[in-house]
N, C-alpha and C. Protein backbone atom coordinates (compact mmCIF):
# COMPACT_ATOMS: atom_id res chain seq x y z
N MET A 1 0.85 -1.13 0.01
CA MET A 1 0.07 0.06 0.07
C MET A 1 1.04 1.26 0.03
N THR A 2 0.53 2.21 -0.81
CA THR A 2 1.44 3.36 -0.89
C THR A 2 0.71 4.52 0.00
N PRO A 3 1.32 5.48 0.41
CA PRO A 3 0.78 6.46 1.29
C PRO A 3 -0.30 7.21 0.48
N SER A 4 -1.24 7.89 1.15
CA SER A 4 -2.26 8.36 0.57
C SER A 4 -1.92 9.85 0.47
N LEU A 5 -2.58 10.76 -0.54
CA LEU A 5 -2.27 12.07 -0.58
C LEU A 5 -2.57 12.84 0.78
N TYR A 6 -3.67 12.39 1.39
CA TYR A 6 -4.10 12.99 2.71
C TYR A 6 -2.95 12.62 3.79
N ASP A 7 -2.28 11.61 3.81
CA ASP A 7 -1.19 11.38 4.72
C ASP A 7 -0.09 12.31 4.60
N ILE A 8 0.38 12.46 3.15
CA ILE A 8 1.35 13.18 2.82
C ILE A 8 1.09 14.77 3.07
N LEU A 9 -0.04 15.33 2.76
CA LEU A 9 -0.53 16.57 3.06
C LEU A 9 -0.43 17.03 4.58
N ASN A 10 -1.02 16.09 5.42
CA ASN A 10 -1.04 16.12 6.71
C ASN A 10 0.34 16.16 7.49
N THR A 11 1.13 15.36 6.91
CA THR A 11 2.65 15.26 7.61
C THR A 11 3.45 16.39 7.04
N VAL A 12 3.36 16.80 5.97
CA VAL A 12 4.12 17.97 5.48
C VAL A 12 3.74 19.23 6.13
N ALA A 13 2.28 19.43 6.31
CA ALA A 13 1.70 20.73 7.07
C ALA A 13 2.39 20.56 8.47
N ALA A 14 2.10 19.43 9.05
CA ALA A 14 2.52 19.41 10.63
C ALA A 14 3.99 19.78 10.78
N TYR A 15 4.74 19.25 9.90
CA TYR A 15 6.23 19.44 9.85
C TYR A 15 6.52 20.86 9.97
N HIS A 16 5.81 21.57 9.04
CA HIS A 16 6.23 23.06 8.80
C HIS A 16 5.09 23.86 9.73
N GLY A 17 4.38 23.39 10.58
CA GLY A 17 3.69 24.30 11.52
C GLY A 17 2.42 24.79 10.87
N LEU A 18 1.80 24.09 9.83
CA LEU A 18 0.77 24.63 9.10
C LEU A 18 -0.38 23.54 9.43
N THR A 19 -1.51 23.97 9.01
CA THR A 19 -2.57 23.10 8.90
C THR A 19 -2.88 22.71 7.37
N PRO A 20 -3.35 21.81 7.14
CA PRO A 20 -3.60 21.28 5.71
C PRO A 20 -4.21 22.11 4.87
N ARG A 21 -5.20 22.74 5.37
CA ARG A 21 -5.94 23.98 4.72
C ARG A 21 -4.93 25.05 4.33
N GLN A 22 -3.93 25.47 5.11
CA GLN A 22 -2.93 26.39 4.99
C GLN A 22 -2.06 26.02 3.83
N LEU A 23 -1.71 24.89 4.05
CA LEU A 23 -0.78 24.11 2.90
C LEU A 23 -1.32 24.26 1.51
N ILE A 24 -2.62 24.18 1.26
CA ILE A 24 -3.24 24.14 -0.13
C ILE A 24 -3.77 25.70 -0.48
N TYR A 25 -3.69 26.54 0.51
CA TYR A 25 -3.88 27.91 0.21
C TYR A 25 -2.88 28.40 -0.90
N PRO A 26 -3.67 29.14 -1.84
CA PRO A 26 -3.07 29.58 -3.11
C PRO A 26 -2.08 30.82 -2.88
N SER A 27 -1.43 30.69 -1.85
CA SER A 27 -0.52 31.95 -1.65
C SER A 27 0.85 31.79 -2.06
N ARG A 28 1.63 32.63 -2.67
CA ARG A 28 3.03 32.57 -3.21
C ARG A 28 3.94 32.92 -1.97
N LEU A 29 3.51 33.10 -0.91
CA LEU A 29 4.36 33.58 0.22
C LEU A 29 5.34 32.39 0.55
N ARG A 30 6.64 32.41 0.78
CA ARG A 30 7.50 31.36 0.77
C ARG A 30 7.08 30.20 1.99
N CYS A 31 6.60 30.89 3.09
CA CYS A 31 6.08 30.13 4.17
C CYS A 31 5.03 29.01 3.82
N PHE A 32 4.40 29.17 2.63
CA PHE A 32 3.23 28.46 2.15
C PHE A 32 3.80 27.76 0.96
N ALA A 33 4.53 28.44 0.10
CA ALA A 33 4.86 27.81 -1.23
C ALA A 33 5.93 26.72 -1.06
N VAL A 34 6.91 26.95 -0.21
CA VAL A 34 7.98 25.86 0.02
C VAL A 34 7.23 24.38 0.55
N PRO A 35 6.53 24.61 1.56
CA PRO A 35 5.90 23.55 2.02
C PRO A 35 5.15 22.50 0.82
N ARG A 36 4.26 23.41 0.25
CA ARG A 36 3.51 23.03 -0.84
C ARG A 36 4.37 22.39 -1.96
N MET A 37 5.55 22.87 -2.02
CA MET A 37 6.31 22.34 -3.18
C MET A 37 6.94 20.92 -2.72
N VAL A 38 7.17 20.90 -1.42
CA VAL A 38 7.58 19.57 -0.69
C VAL A 38 6.56 18.54 -0.88
N ALA A 39 5.42 19.05 -0.63
CA ALA A 39 4.24 18.04 -0.73
C ALA A 39 3.86 17.48 -2.07
N ALA A 40 4.10 18.28 -3.02
CA ALA A 40 4.10 18.02 -4.56
C ALA A 40 5.03 16.80 -4.76
N TYR A 41 6.33 17.20 -4.42
CA TYR A 41 7.46 16.34 -4.55
C TYR A 41 7.36 15.03 -4.02
N LEU A 42 6.77 15.02 -2.73
CA LEU A 42 6.73 13.70 -2.01
C LEU A 42 5.59 12.72 -2.60
N ALA A 43 4.42 13.73 -2.97
CA ALA A 43 3.33 13.07 -3.55
C ALA A 43 3.80 12.19 -4.76
N ARG A 44 4.54 12.87 -5.69
CA ARG A 44 4.88 12.25 -6.82
C ARG A 44 5.88 11.15 -6.59
N MET A 45 6.70 11.25 -5.59
CA MET A 45 7.74 10.19 -5.27
C MET A 45 7.15 9.01 -4.69
N LEU A 46 6.06 9.29 -3.84
CA LEU A 46 5.69 8.20 -3.03
C LEU A 46 4.29 7.53 -3.35
N THR A 47 3.62 8.14 -4.30
CA THR A 47 2.46 7.47 -4.72
C THR A 47 2.46 7.20 -6.26
N HIS A 48 1.37 6.59 -6.76
CA HIS A 48 1.24 6.43 -8.14
C HIS A 48 0.15 7.32 -8.74
N GLU A 49 0.11 8.51 -8.02
CA GLU A 49 -0.93 9.43 -8.48
C GLU A 49 -0.44 10.23 -9.56
N SER A 50 -1.24 10.69 -10.60
CA SER A 50 -0.77 11.48 -11.85
C SER A 50 -0.77 13.00 -11.25
N TYR A 51 0.05 13.76 -12.12
CA TYR A 51 0.13 15.20 -11.85
C TYR A 51 -1.30 15.75 -11.57
N PRO A 52 -2.23 15.67 -12.62
CA PRO A 52 -3.43 16.35 -12.32
C PRO A 52 -4.02 16.05 -11.00
N THR A 53 -4.03 14.70 -10.61
CA THR A 53 -4.57 14.36 -9.41
C THR A 53 -3.69 14.89 -8.15
N ILE A 54 -2.68 15.07 -8.25
CA ILE A 54 -1.71 15.77 -7.08
C ILE A 54 -2.03 17.16 -7.06
N ALA A 55 -2.25 17.84 -8.30
CA ALA A 55 -2.56 19.29 -8.41
C ALA A 55 -3.86 19.47 -7.73
N GLU A 56 -4.94 18.54 -7.95
CA GLU A 56 -6.40 18.78 -7.38
C GLU A 56 -6.24 18.71 -5.91
N ALA A 57 -5.44 17.78 -5.36
CA ALA A 57 -5.22 17.76 -3.85
C ALA A 57 -4.55 18.70 -3.27
N LEU A 58 -3.67 19.55 -4.05
CA LEU A 58 -2.99 20.61 -3.66
C LEU A 58 -3.93 21.95 -3.85
N GLY A 59 -4.96 21.91 -3.93
CA GLY A 59 -5.90 23.15 -3.98
C GLY A 59 -6.34 23.48 -5.27
N GLY A 60 -6.31 22.47 -6.36
CA GLY A 60 -6.76 22.62 -7.51
C GLY A 60 -5.85 23.43 -8.45
N GLN A 61 -4.52 23.38 -8.18
CA GLN A 61 -3.45 23.86 -9.00
C GLN A 61 -3.55 23.21 -10.56
N HIS A 62 -2.97 23.82 -11.57
CA HIS A 62 -2.75 23.14 -12.75
C HIS A 62 -1.66 22.16 -12.67
N HIS A 63 -1.91 21.07 -13.50
CA HIS A 63 -0.75 20.03 -13.27
C HIS A 63 0.63 20.55 -13.69
N SER A 64 0.71 21.55 -14.45
CA SER A 64 2.16 22.00 -14.81
C SER A 64 2.72 22.72 -13.73
N THR A 65 2.11 23.07 -12.92
CA THR A 65 2.61 23.88 -11.64
C THR A 65 3.00 22.80 -10.68
N VAL A 66 2.51 21.59 -10.65
CA VAL A 66 3.11 20.47 -9.89
C VAL A 66 4.30 19.95 -10.54
N ILE A 67 4.30 19.93 -11.81
CA ILE A 67 5.50 19.49 -12.49
C ILE A 67 6.78 20.34 -12.08
N HIS A 68 6.41 21.55 -12.35
CA HIS A 68 7.47 22.63 -11.92
C HIS A 68 7.95 22.59 -10.44
N SER A 69 6.99 22.07 -9.50
CA SER A 69 7.37 21.95 -8.10
C SER A 69 8.22 20.93 -8.02
N VAL A 70 7.94 19.77 -8.66
CA VAL A 70 8.65 18.77 -8.47
C VAL A 70 10.17 18.87 -8.98
N HIS A 71 10.37 19.60 -10.04
CA HIS A 71 11.74 20.03 -10.65
C HIS A 71 12.36 20.94 -9.56
N ARG A 72 11.78 21.89 -9.15
CA ARG A 72 12.32 22.89 -8.37
C ARG A 72 12.70 22.31 -7.04
N ALA A 73 11.83 21.34 -6.55
CA ALA A 73 12.23 20.65 -5.21
C ALA A 73 13.64 19.89 -5.49
N ARG A 74 13.62 19.11 -6.45
CA ARG A 74 14.89 18.54 -6.72
C ARG A 74 16.15 19.50 -6.96
N GLU A 75 15.98 20.44 -7.62
CA GLU A 75 17.07 21.45 -7.67
C GLU A 75 17.38 21.96 -6.35
N LEU A 76 16.51 22.35 -5.43
CA LEU A 76 16.66 22.78 -4.02
C LEU A 76 17.46 21.76 -3.10
N MET A 77 16.86 20.53 -3.32
CA MET A 77 17.57 19.55 -2.53
C MET A 77 18.99 19.31 -2.97
N ALA A 78 19.27 19.45 -4.17
CA ALA A 78 20.68 19.25 -4.68
C ALA A 78 21.55 20.45 -4.03
N LYS A 79 21.26 21.48 -3.93
CA LYS A 79 21.72 22.66 -3.53
C LYS A 79 21.72 22.78 -2.02
N ASN A 80 20.85 22.28 -1.20
CA ASN A 80 20.62 22.53 0.21
C ASN A 80 20.65 21.29 0.97
N GLU A 81 21.64 20.79 1.69
CA GLU A 81 21.63 19.68 2.44
C GLU A 81 20.70 19.58 3.38
N ALA A 82 20.34 20.83 4.06
CA ALA A 82 19.21 20.92 4.96
C ALA A 82 17.87 20.71 4.66
N MET A 83 17.55 20.99 3.45
CA MET A 83 16.22 20.90 2.78
C MET A 83 16.10 19.36 2.52
N LEU A 84 17.31 18.80 1.90
CA LEU A 84 17.33 17.33 1.56
C LEU A 84 17.12 16.53 3.05
N ASP A 85 17.69 16.86 3.78
CA ASP A 85 17.46 16.22 5.14
C ASP A 85 16.03 16.36 5.74
N ALA A 86 15.54 17.39 5.51
CA ALA A 86 14.11 17.57 5.98
C ALA A 86 13.07 16.82 5.05
N VAL A 87 13.29 16.88 3.87
CA VAL A 87 12.44 16.06 3.00
C VAL A 87 12.55 14.51 3.28
N VAL A 88 13.82 14.22 3.41
CA VAL A 88 14.02 12.65 3.59
C VAL A 88 13.32 12.38 4.99
N GLY A 89 13.38 13.24 6.13
CA GLY A 89 12.77 13.05 7.31
C GLY A 89 11.42 12.87 7.35
N ILE A 90 10.74 13.78 6.50
CA ILE A 90 9.28 13.96 6.33
C ILE A 90 8.78 12.57 5.57
N ALA A 91 9.66 12.27 4.70
CA ALA A 91 9.25 10.87 3.79
C ALA A 91 9.26 9.82 4.80
N LEU A 92 10.21 9.69 5.47
CA LEU A 92 10.33 8.47 6.61
C LEU A 92 9.15 8.57 7.45
N VAL A 93 8.70 9.71 7.99
CA VAL A 93 7.53 9.82 8.87
C VAL A 93 6.14 9.24 8.10
N ILE A 94 6.16 9.72 6.82
CA ILE A 94 4.83 9.32 6.01
C ILE A 94 4.94 7.82 5.83
N ILE A 95 6.21 7.21 5.65
CA ILE A 95 6.30 5.64 5.28
C ILE A 95 5.96 5.11 6.70
N MET A 96 6.30 5.51 7.87
CA MET A 96 6.03 4.85 9.12
C MET A 96 4.51 5.06 9.31
N VAL A 97 4.01 6.16 9.06
CA VAL A 97 2.64 6.37 9.40
C VAL A 97 1.73 5.23 8.60
N THR A 98 2.08 5.23 7.32
CA THR A 98 1.45 4.34 6.20
C THR A 98 1.52 2.80 6.72
N ARG A 99 2.94 2.50 7.17
CA ARG A 99 2.85 1.16 7.79
C ARG A 99 2.16 0.74 8.80
N ARG A 100 1.99 1.80 9.73
CA ARG A 100 1.26 1.47 10.97
C ARG A 100 -0.20 1.41 10.60
N ARG A 101 -0.55 2.05 9.59
CA ARG A 101 -1.99 1.92 9.28
C ARG A 101 -2.45 0.62 8.36
N TYR A 102 -1.45 0.35 7.43
CA TYR A 102 -1.92 -0.70 6.61
C TYR A 102 -1.06 -1.86 6.72
N GLY A 103 -0.05 -1.96 7.46
CA GLY A 103 0.77 -3.06 7.75
C GLY A 103 2.18 -2.95 6.94
N PRO A 104 3.06 -4.03 7.07
CA PRO A 104 4.40 -3.71 6.53
C PRO A 104 4.56 -4.05 5.08
N SER A 105 3.54 -4.26 4.32
CA SER A 105 3.74 -4.49 2.85
C SER A 105 3.82 -3.29 2.10
N ILE A 106 4.09 -2.10 2.70
CA ILE A 106 4.16 -0.81 1.94
C ILE A 106 5.39 -0.82 0.88
N MET A 107 4.99 -0.29 -0.28
CA MET A 107 6.05 -0.20 -1.21
C MET A 107 6.54 -1.41 -1.71
């Protein structure tokens, strides 16, 4: 079983001190945009969901915005080790939550 978009959004929001509603709020402020970019990246990496489905979960964005977010997240993680560590840590939490919920046969 793969993580749900719900689990990803909730975990990313909690890590950044936001509510899931704030995470999908269509603001370009960095405090919302970076967590939303991380959520888009993790949703693409940890689920089998399409870009349009991820875009809808992230507040109805256009799928090309999600594609850009995924590429941008990769660029930032390559340049910024702290961001890479944070994204890996969030991913591990998401995987643990999913395993607890559905059993050890995840991924």
